[in-house]
Amino acid sequence: MNHGIHPAYRPVVFRDRSAEFAFLTRSTLSSSRTVEWTDGHSYPVIDVETSSASHPVYTGKARILDTAGRIEQYHRRYGQG
């Protein structure tokens, strides 16, 4: 790898405010805002809209569309056309 061309790879806290969930990982993203983590150190924090704690697929609240049922309902309502 060439030196000096890659962004800094450092610990960063990603925070999902809708689920009040945060996790510490490593990333090249940076932020001027910081948060104090449970280990007593201060890390840059990145706020995200969706994480595994709030996404419907991971929480089990995903809606499955019944397209076959909807097509049958259309045909019952408007005929076979």
PDB file of N, CA and C in Angstrom:
ATOM      1  N   MET A   1       0.833  -1.183   0.000  1.00  0.00           N
ATOM      2  CA  MET A   1       0.000   0.000   0.000  1.00  0.00           C
ATOM      3  C   MET A   1       0.876   1.245   0.000  1.00  0.00           C
ATOM      4  N   ASN A   2       0.455   2.234  -0.730  1.00  0.00           N
ATOM      5  CA  ASN A   2       1.179   3.496  -0.742  1.00  0.00           C
ATOM      6  C   ASN A   2       0.884   4.282   0.527  1.00  0.00           C
ATOM      7  N   HIS A   3       1.910   4.860   1.098  1.00  0.00           N
ATOM      8  CA  HIS A   3       1.736   5.641   2.315  1.00  0.00           C
ATOM      9  C   HIS A   3       1.265   7.055   1.982  1.00  0.00           C
ATOM     10  N   GLY A   4       0.382   7.582   2.842  1.00  0.00           N
ATOM     11  CA  GLY A   4      -0.049   8.959   2.703  1.00  0.00           C
ATOM     12  C   GLY A   4      -1.224   9.201   1.776  1.00  0.00           C
ATOM     13  N   ILE A   5      -1.774   8.159   1.136  1.00  0.00           N
ATOM     14  CA  ILE A   5      -2.895   8.380   0.220  1.00  0.00           C
ATOM     15  C   ILE A   5      -4.215   7.871   0.795  1.00  0.00           C
ATOM     16  N   HIS A   6      -4.165   7.112   1.887  1.00  0.00           N
ATOM     17  CA  HIS A   6      -5.368   6.532   2.469  1.00  0.00           C
ATOM     18  C   HIS A   6      -5.853   7.382   3.641  1.00  0.00           C
ATOM     19  N   PRO A   7      -7.166   7.480   3.823  1.00  0.00           N
ATOM     20  CA  PRO A   7      -7.692   8.236   4.974  1.00  0.00           C
ATOM     21  C   PRO A   7      -7.396   7.501   6.281  1.00  0.00           C
ATOM     22  N   ALA A   8      -7.421   8.244   7.366  1.00  0.00           N
ATOM     23  CA  ALA A   8      -7.143   7.656   8.680  1.00  0.00           C
ATOM     24  C   ALA A   8      -8.248   6.679   9.049  1.00  0.00           C
ATOM     25  N   TYR A   9      -7.862   5.536   9.587  1.00  0.00           N
ATOM     26  CA  TYR A   9      -8.786   4.490  10.007  1.00  0.00           C
ATOM     27  C   TYR A   9      -8.738   4.442  11.520  1.00  0.00           C
ATOM     28  N   ARG A  10      -9.817   4.862  12.168  1.00  0.00           N
ATOM     29  CA  ARG A  10      -9.787   5.042  13.620  1.00  0.00           C
ATOM     30  C   ARG A  10     -11.120   4.628  14.236  1.00  0.00           C
ATOM     31  N   PRO A  11     -11.173   4.480  15.560  1.00  0.00           N
ATOM     32  CA  PRO A  11     -12.435   4.141  16.227  1.00  0.00           C
ATOM     33  C   PRO A  11     -13.457   5.274  16.099  1.00  0.00           C
ATOM     34  N   VAL A  12     -14.707   4.906  15.806  1.00  0.00           N
ATOM     35  CA  VAL A  12     -15.802   5.856  15.644  1.00  0.00           C
ATOM     36  C   VAL A  12     -17.058   5.224  16.251  1.00  0.00           C
ATOM     37  N   VAL A  13     -17.891   6.041  16.879  1.00  0.00           N
ATOM     38  CA  VAL A  13     -19.159   5.573  17.422  1.00  0.00           C
ATOM     39  C   VAL A  13     -20.265   5.906  16.424  1.00  0.00           C
ATOM     40  N   PHE A  14     -21.036   4.892  16.038  1.00  0.00           N
ATOM     41  CA  PHE A  14     -22.215   5.093  15.205  1.00  0.00           C
ATOM     42  C   PHE A  14     -23.419   5.028  16.127  1.00  0.00           C
ATOM     43  N   ARG A  15     -24.305   6.041  16.038  1.00  0.00           N
ATOM     44  CA  ARG A  15     -25.430   6.147  16.954  1.00  0.00           C
ATOM     45  C   ARG A  15     -26.732   6.236  16.168  1.00  0.00           C
ATOM     46  N   ASP A  16     -27.660   5.351  16.509  1.00  0.00           N
ATOM     47  CA  ASP A  16     -29.003   5.362  15.941  1.00  0.00           C
ATOM     48  C   ASP A  16     -29.902   6.002  16.985  1.00  0.00           C
ATOM     49  N   ARG A  17     -30.265   7.246  16.768  1.00  0.00           N
ATOM     50  CA  ARG A  17     -31.044   7.981  17.765  1.00  0.00           C
ATOM     51  C   ARG A  17     -32.476   7.479  17.875  1.00  0.00           C
ATOM     52  N   SER A  18     -33.041   6.942  16.819  1.00  0.00           N
ATOM     53  CA  SER A  18     -34.424   6.481  16.885  1.00  0.00           C
ATOM     54  C   SER A  18     -34.559   5.253  17.782  1.00  0.00           C
ATOM     55  N   ALA A  19     -33.505   4.456  17.881  1.00  0.00           N
ATOM     56  CA  ALA A  19     -33.555   3.245  18.702  1.00  0.00           C
ATOM     57  C   ALA A  19     -32.720   3.390  19.970  1.00  0.00           C
ATOM     58  N   GLU A  20     -32.090   4.536  20.154  1.00  0.00           N
ATOM     59  CA  GLU A  20     -31.187   4.758  21.281  1.00  0.00           C
ATOM     60  C   GLU A  20     -30.163   3.622  21.375  1.00  0.00           C
ATOM     61  N   PHE A  21     -29.494   3.391  20.260  1.00  0.00           N
ATOM     62  CA  PHE A  21     -28.534   2.313  20.129  1.00  0.00           C
ATOM     63  C   PHE A  21     -27.252   2.886  19.553  1.00  0.00           C
ATOM     64  N   ALA A  22     -26.123   2.509  20.110  1.00  0.00           N
ATOM     65  CA  ALA A  22     -24.830   2.981  19.606  1.00  0.00           C
ATOM     66  C   ALA A  22     -23.832   1.831  19.658  1.00  0.00           C
ATOM     67  N   PHE A  23     -22.892   1.859  18.727  1.00  0.00           N
ATOM     68  CA  PHE A  23     -21.841   0.847  18.746  1.00  0.00           C
ATOM     69  C   PHE A  23     -20.530   1.471  18.301  1.00  0.00           C
ATOM     70  N   LEU A  24     -19.469   0.949  18.854  1.00  0.00           N
ATOM     71  CA  LEU A  24     -18.121   1.428  18.562  1.00  0.00           C
ATOM     72  C   LEU A  24     -17.485   0.490  17.557  1.00  0.00           C
ATOM     73  N   THR A  25     -16.986   1.065  16.482  1.00  0.00           N
ATOM     74  CA  THR A  25     -16.303   0.290  15.452  1.00  0.00           C
ATOM     75  C   THR A  25     -15.208   1.157  14.854  1.00  0.00           C
ATOM     76  N   ARG A  26     -14.523   0.655  13.857  1.00  0.00           N
ATOM     77  CA  ARG A  26     -13.485   1.438  13.197  1.00  0.00           C
ATOM     78  C   ARG A  26     -13.988   1.883  11.838  1.00  0.00           C
ATOM     79  N   SER A  27     -13.635   3.109  11.447  1.00  0.00           N
ATOM     80  CA  SER A  27     -14.104   3.662  10.187  1.00  0.00           C
ATOM     81  C   SER A  27     -13.163   4.772   9.723  1.00  0.00           C
ATOM     82  N   THR A  28     -13.301   5.145   8.460  1.00  0.00           N
ATOM     83  CA  THR A  28     -12.558   6.278   7.921  1.00  0.00           C
ATOM     84  C   THR A  28     -13.373   7.562   7.999  1.00  0.00           C
ATOM     85  N   LEU A  29     -14.656   7.454   8.386  1.00  0.00           N
ATOM     86  CA  LEU A  29     -15.489   8.651   8.538  1.00  0.00           C
ATOM     87  C   LEU A  29     -15.001   9.468   9.722  1.00  0.00           C
ATOM     88  N   SER A  30     -15.242  10.766   9.655  1.00  0.00           N
ATOM     89  CA  SER A  30     -14.858  11.632  10.775  1.00  0.00           C
ATOM     90  C   SER A  30     -16.016  12.577  11.090  1.00  0.00           C
ATOM     91  N   SER A  31     -15.964  13.147  12.270  1.00  0.00           N
ATOM     92  CA  SER A  31     -17.004  14.059  12.707  1.00  0.00           C
ATOM     93  C   SER A  31     -16.398  15.036  13.704  1.00  0.00           C
ATOM     94  N   SER A  32     -16.937  16.243  13.732  1.00  0.00           N
ATOM     95  CA  SER A  32     -16.456  17.219  14.704  1.00  0.00           C
ATOM     96  C   SER A  32     -17.101  16.999  16.071  1.00  0.00           C
ATOM     97  N   ARG A  33     -18.231  16.270  16.088  1.00  0.00           N
ATOM     98  CA  ARG A  33     -18.906  15.965  17.351  1.00  0.00           C
ATOM     99  C   ARG A  33     -18.289  14.714  17.973  1.00  0.00           C
ATOM    100  N   THR A  34     -18.230  14.695  19.283  1.00  0.00           N
ATOM    101  CA  THR A  34     -17.677  13.548  19.989  1.00  0.00           C
ATOM    102  C   THR A  34     -18.639  13.100  21.080  1.00  0.00           C
ATOM    103  N   VAL A  35     -18.434  11.878  21.535  1.00  0.00           N
ATOM    104  CA  VAL A  35     -19.222  11.315  22.624  1.00  0.00           C
ATOM    105  C   VAL A  35     -18.271  10.508  23.505  1.00  0.00           C
ATOM    106  N   GLU A  36     -18.548  10.515  24.806  1.00  0.00           N
ATOM    107  CA  GLU A  36     -17.726   9.727  25.713  1.00  0.00           C
ATOM    108  C   GLU A  36     -18.298   8.317  25.772  1.00  0.00           C
ATOM    109  N   TRP A  37     -17.461   7.338  25.502  1.00  0.00           N
ATOM    110  CA  TRP A  37     -17.877   5.949  25.459  1.00  0.00           C
ATOM    111  C   TRP A  37     -17.734   5.330  26.844  1.00  0.00           C
ATOM    112  N   THR A  38     -18.200   4.118  27.023  1.00  0.00           N
ATOM    113  CA  THR A  38     -18.196   3.457  28.325  1.00  0.00           C
ATOM    114  C   THR A  38     -16.788   3.183  28.850  1.00  0.00           C
ATOM    115  N   ASP A  39     -15.810   3.183  27.978  1.00  0.00           N
ATOM    116  CA  ASP A  39     -14.429   2.954  28.433  1.00  0.00           C
ATOM    117  C   ASP A  39     -13.754   4.236  28.930  1.00  0.00           C
ATOM    118  N   GLY A  40     -14.487   5.352  28.900  1.00  0.00           N
ATOM    119  CA  GLY A  40     -13.965   6.618  29.392  1.00  0.00           C
ATOM    120  C   GLY A  40     -13.280   7.470  28.342  1.00  0.00           C
ATOM    121  N   HIS A  41     -13.078   6.948  27.147  1.00  0.00           N
ATOM    122  CA  HIS A  41     -12.450   7.704  26.060  1.00  0.00           C
ATOM    123  C   HIS A  41     -13.513   8.443  25.257  1.00  0.00           C
ATOM    124  N   SER A  42     -13.114   9.500  24.606  1.00  0.00           N
ATOM    125  CA  SER A  42     -13.993  10.292  23.763  1.00  0.00           C
ATOM    126  C   SER A  42     -13.727   9.932  22.307  1.00  0.00           C
ATOM    127  N   TYR A  43     -14.803   9.631  21.550  1.00  0.00           N
ATOM    128  CA  TYR A  43     -14.680   9.221  20.154  1.00  0.00           C
ATOM    129  C   TYR A  43     -15.586  10.094  19.287  1.00  0.00           C
ATOM    130  N   PRO A  44     -15.241  10.243  18.004  1.00  0.00           N
ATOM    131  CA  PRO A  44     -16.142  10.938  17.082  1.00  0.00           C
ATOM    132  C   PRO A  44     -17.445  10.143  16.963  1.00  0.00           C
ATOM    133  N   VAL A  45     -18.571  10.834  16.818  1.00  0.00           N
ATOM    134  CA  VAL A  45     -19.865  10.158  16.721  1.00  0.00           C
ATOM    135  C   VAL A  45     -20.531  10.507  15.395  1.00  0.00           C
ATOM    136  N   ILE A  46     -21.062   9.479  14.736  1.00  0.00           N
ATOM    137  CA  ILE A  46     -21.791   9.636  13.480  1.00  0.00           C
ATOM    138  C   ILE A  46     -23.225   9.190  13.740  1.00  0.00           C
ATOM    139  N   ASP A  47     -24.200  10.082  13.534  1.00  0.00           N
ATOM    140  CA  ASP A  47     -25.608   9.738  13.706  1.00  0.00           C
ATOM    141  C   ASP A  47     -26.137   9.126  12.416  1.00  0.00           C
ATOM    142  N   VAL A  48     -26.798   7.978  12.537  1.00  0.00           N
ATOM    143  CA  VAL A  48     -27.379   7.296  11.386  1.00  0.00           C
ATOM    144  C   VAL A  48     -28.883   7.193  11.572  1.00  0.00           C
ATOM    145  N   GLU A  49     -29.612   7.102  10.463  1.00  0.00           N
ATOM    146  CA  GLU A  49     -31.070   7.019  10.526  1.00  0.00           C
ATOM    147  C   GLU A  49     -31.555   5.603  10.806  1.00  0.00           C
ATOM    148  N   THR A  50     -30.836   4.615  10.322  1.00  0.00           N
ATOM    149  CA  THR A  50     -31.268   3.235  10.452  1.00  0.00           C
ATOM    150  C   THR A  50     -30.083   2.359  10.819  1.00  0.00           C
ATOM    151  N   SER A  51     -30.298   1.465  11.757  1.00  0.00           N
ATOM    152  CA  SER A  51     -29.296   0.476  12.117  1.00  0.00           C
ATOM    153  C   SER A  51     -29.997  -0.860  12.311  1.00  0.00           C
ATOM    154  N   SER A  52     -29.265  -1.862  12.720  1.00  0.00           N
ATOM    155  CA  SER A  52     -29.879  -3.169  12.945  1.00  0.00           C
ATOM    156  C   SER A  52     -30.884  -3.127  14.094  1.00  0.00           C
ATOM    157  N   ALA A  53     -30.792  -2.125  14.953  1.00  0.00           N
ATOM    158  CA  ALA A  53     -31.732  -2.003  16.072  1.00  0.00           C
ATOM    159  C   ALA A  53     -33.054  -1.372  15.662  1.00  0.00           C
ATOM    160  N   SER A  54     -33.113  -0.693  14.522  1.00  0.00           N
ATOM    161  CA  SER A  54     -34.347  -0.022  14.124  1.00  0.00           C
ATOM    162  C   SER A  54     -34.875  -0.444  12.756  1.00  0.00           C
ATOM    163  N   HIS A  55     -34.106  -1.183  11.967  1.00  0.00           N
ATOM    164  CA  HIS A  55     -34.553  -1.570  10.634  1.00  0.00           C
ATOM    165  C   HIS A  55     -35.607  -2.681  10.747  1.00  0.00           C
ATOM    166  N   PRO A  56     -36.737  -2.551  10.040  1.00  0.00           N
ATOM    167  CA  PRO A  56     -37.817  -3.531  10.159  1.00  0.00           C
ATOM    168  C   PRO A  56     -37.406  -4.967   9.843  1.00  0.00           C
ATOM    169  N   VAL A  57     -36.492  -5.166   8.932  1.00  0.00           N
ATOM    170  CA  VAL A  57     -36.075  -6.524   8.590  1.00  0.00           C
ATOM    171  C   VAL A  57     -35.394  -7.186   9.784  1.00  0.00           C
ATOM    172  N   TYR A  58     -34.567  -6.448  10.507  1.00  0.00           N
ATOM    173  CA  TYR A  58     -33.840  -7.010  11.643  1.00  0.00           C
ATOM    174  C   TYR A  58     -34.691  -7.084  12.903  1.00  0.00           C
ATOM    175  N   THR A  59     -35.678  -6.221  13.039  1.00  0.00           N
ATOM    176  CA  THR A  59     -36.504  -6.213  14.246  1.00  0.00           C
ATOM    177  C   THR A  59     -37.697  -7.146  14.137  1.00  0.00           C
ATOM    178  N   GLY A  60     -37.950  -7.692  12.946  1.00  0.00           N
ATOM    179  CA  GLY A  60     -39.069  -8.606  12.759  1.00  0.00           C
ATOM    180  C   GLY A  60     -40.386  -7.903  12.503  1.00  0.00           C
ATOM    181  N   LYS A  61     -40.362  -6.627  12.218  1.00  0.00           N
ATOM    182  CA  LYS A  61     -41.584  -5.874  11.971  1.00  0.00           C
ATOM    183  C   LYS A  61     -41.772  -5.551  10.495  1.00  0.00           C
ATOM    184  N   ALA A  62     -41.115  -6.306   9.642  1.00  0.00           N
ATOM    185  CA  ALA A  62     -41.209  -6.062   8.208  1.00  0.00           C
ATOM    186  C   ALA A  62     -42.572  -6.501   7.687  1.00  0.00           C
ATOM    187  N   ARG A  63     -43.117  -5.733   6.775  1.00  0.00           N
ATOM    188  CA  ARG A  63     -44.383  -6.085   6.154  1.00  0.00           C
ATOM    189  C   ARG A  63     -44.101  -6.842   4.873  1.00  0.00           C
ATOM    190  N   ILE A  64     -44.805  -7.918   4.691  1.00  0.00           N
ATOM    191  CA  ILE A  64     -44.681  -8.695   3.453  1.00  0.00           C
ATOM    192  C   ILE A  64     -45.921  -8.401   2.626  1.00  0.00           C
ATOM    193  N   LEU A  65     -45.710  -7.925   1.423  1.00  0.00           N
ATOM    194  CA  LEU A  65     -46.832  -7.595   0.554  1.00  0.00           C
ATOM    195  C   LEU A  65     -47.392  -8.867  -0.066  1.00  0.00           C
ATOM    196  N   ASP A  66     -48.689  -9.012   0.014  1.00  0.00           N
ATOM    197  CA  ASP A  66     -49.374 -10.164  -0.547  1.00  0.00           C
ATOM    198  C   ASP A  66     -49.850  -9.784  -1.945  1.00  0.00           C
ATOM    199  N   THR A  67     -48.952  -9.863  -2.912  1.00  0.00           N
ATOM    200  CA  THR A  67     -49.306  -9.417  -4.262  1.00  0.00           C
ATOM    201  C   THR A  67     -50.320 -10.348  -4.901  1.00  0.00           C
ATOM    202  N   ALA A  68     -50.252 -11.635  -4.630  1.00  0.00           N
ATOM    203  CA  ALA A  68     -51.219 -12.559  -5.220  1.00  0.00           C
ATOM    204  C   ALA A  68     -52.612 -12.244  -4.698  1.00  0.00           C
ATOM    205  N   GLY A  69     -52.746 -11.996  -3.424  1.00  0.00           N
ATOM    206  CA  GLY A  69     -54.038 -11.650  -2.840  1.00  0.00           C
ATOM    207  C   GLY A  69     -54.577 -10.354  -3.388  1.00  0.00           C
ATOM    208  N   ARG A  70     -53.714  -9.403  -3.631  1.00  0.00           N
ATOM    209  CA  ARG A  70     -54.152  -8.112  -4.153  1.00  0.00           C
ATOM    210  C   ARG A  70     -54.628  -8.243  -5.600  1.00  0.00           C
ATOM    211  N   ILE A  71     -53.979  -9.091  -6.378  1.00  0.00           N
ATOM    212  CA  ILE A  71     -54.398  -9.308  -7.763  1.00  0.00           C
ATOM    213  C   ILE A  71     -55.760  -9.991  -7.789  1.00  0.00           C
ATOM    214  N   GLU A  72     -55.952 -10.983  -6.928  1.00  0.00           N
ATOM    215  CA  GLU A  72     -57.242 -11.657  -6.852  1.00  0.00           C
ATOM    216  C   GLU A  72     -58.333 -10.682  -6.430  1.00  0.00           C
ATOM    217  N   GLN A  73     -58.018  -9.812  -5.485  1.00  0.00           N
ATOM    218  CA  GLN A  73     -58.986  -8.814  -5.040  1.00  0.00           C
ATOM    219  C   GLN A  73     -59.354  -7.880  -6.196  1.00  0.00           C
ATOM    220  N   TYR A  74     -58.400  -7.505  -7.006  1.00  0.00           N
ATOM    221  CA  TYR A  74     -58.646  -6.638  -8.166  1.00  0.00           C
ATOM    222  C   TYR A  74     -59.576  -7.340  -9.146  1.00  0.00           C
ATOM    223  N   HIS A  75     -59.288  -8.614  -9.427  1.00  0.00           N
ATOM    224  CA  HIS A  75     -60.124  -9.354 -10.376  1.00  0.00           C
ATOM    225  C   HIS A  75     -61.551  -9.533  -9.838  1.00  0.00           C
ATOM    226  N   ARG A  76     -61.703  -9.766  -8.534  1.00  0.00           N
ATOM    227  CA  ARG A  76     -63.045  -9.882  -7.949  1.00  0.00           C
ATOM    228  C   ARG A  76     -63.794  -8.571  -8.056  1.00  0.00           C
ATOM    229  N   ARG A  77     -63.096  -7.484  -7.845  1.00  0.00           N
ATOM    230  CA  ARG A  77     -63.744  -6.176  -7.835  1.00  0.00           C
ATOM    231  C   ARG A  77     -64.094  -5.713  -9.247  1.00  0.00           C
ATOM    232  N   TYR A  78     -63.189  -5.882 -10.198  1.00  0.00           N
ATOM    233  CA  TYR A  78     -63.368  -5.309 -11.538  1.00  0.00           C
ATOM    234  C   TYR A  78     -63.563  -6.364 -12.625  1.00  0.00           C
ATOM    235  N   GLY A  79     -63.609  -7.612 -12.269  1.00  0.00           N
ATOM    236  CA  GLY A  79     -63.801  -8.660 -13.258  1.00  0.00           C
ATOM    237  C   GLY A  79     -62.487  -9.052 -13.898  1.00  0.00           C
ATOM    238  N   GLN A  80     -62.531 -10.055 -14.733  1.00  0.00           N
ATOM    239  CA  GLN A  80     -61.312 -10.567 -15.361  1.00  0.00           C
ATOM    240  C   GLN A  80     -60.827  -9.675 -16.494  1.00  0.00           C
ATOM    241  N   GLY A  81     -61.600  -8.707 -16.909  1.00  0.00           N
ATOM    242  CA  GLY A  81     -61.188  -7.693 -17.846  1.00  0.00           C
ATOM    243  C   GLY A  81     -61.075  -8.144 -19.218  1.00  0.00           C
TER     244      GLY A  81
END
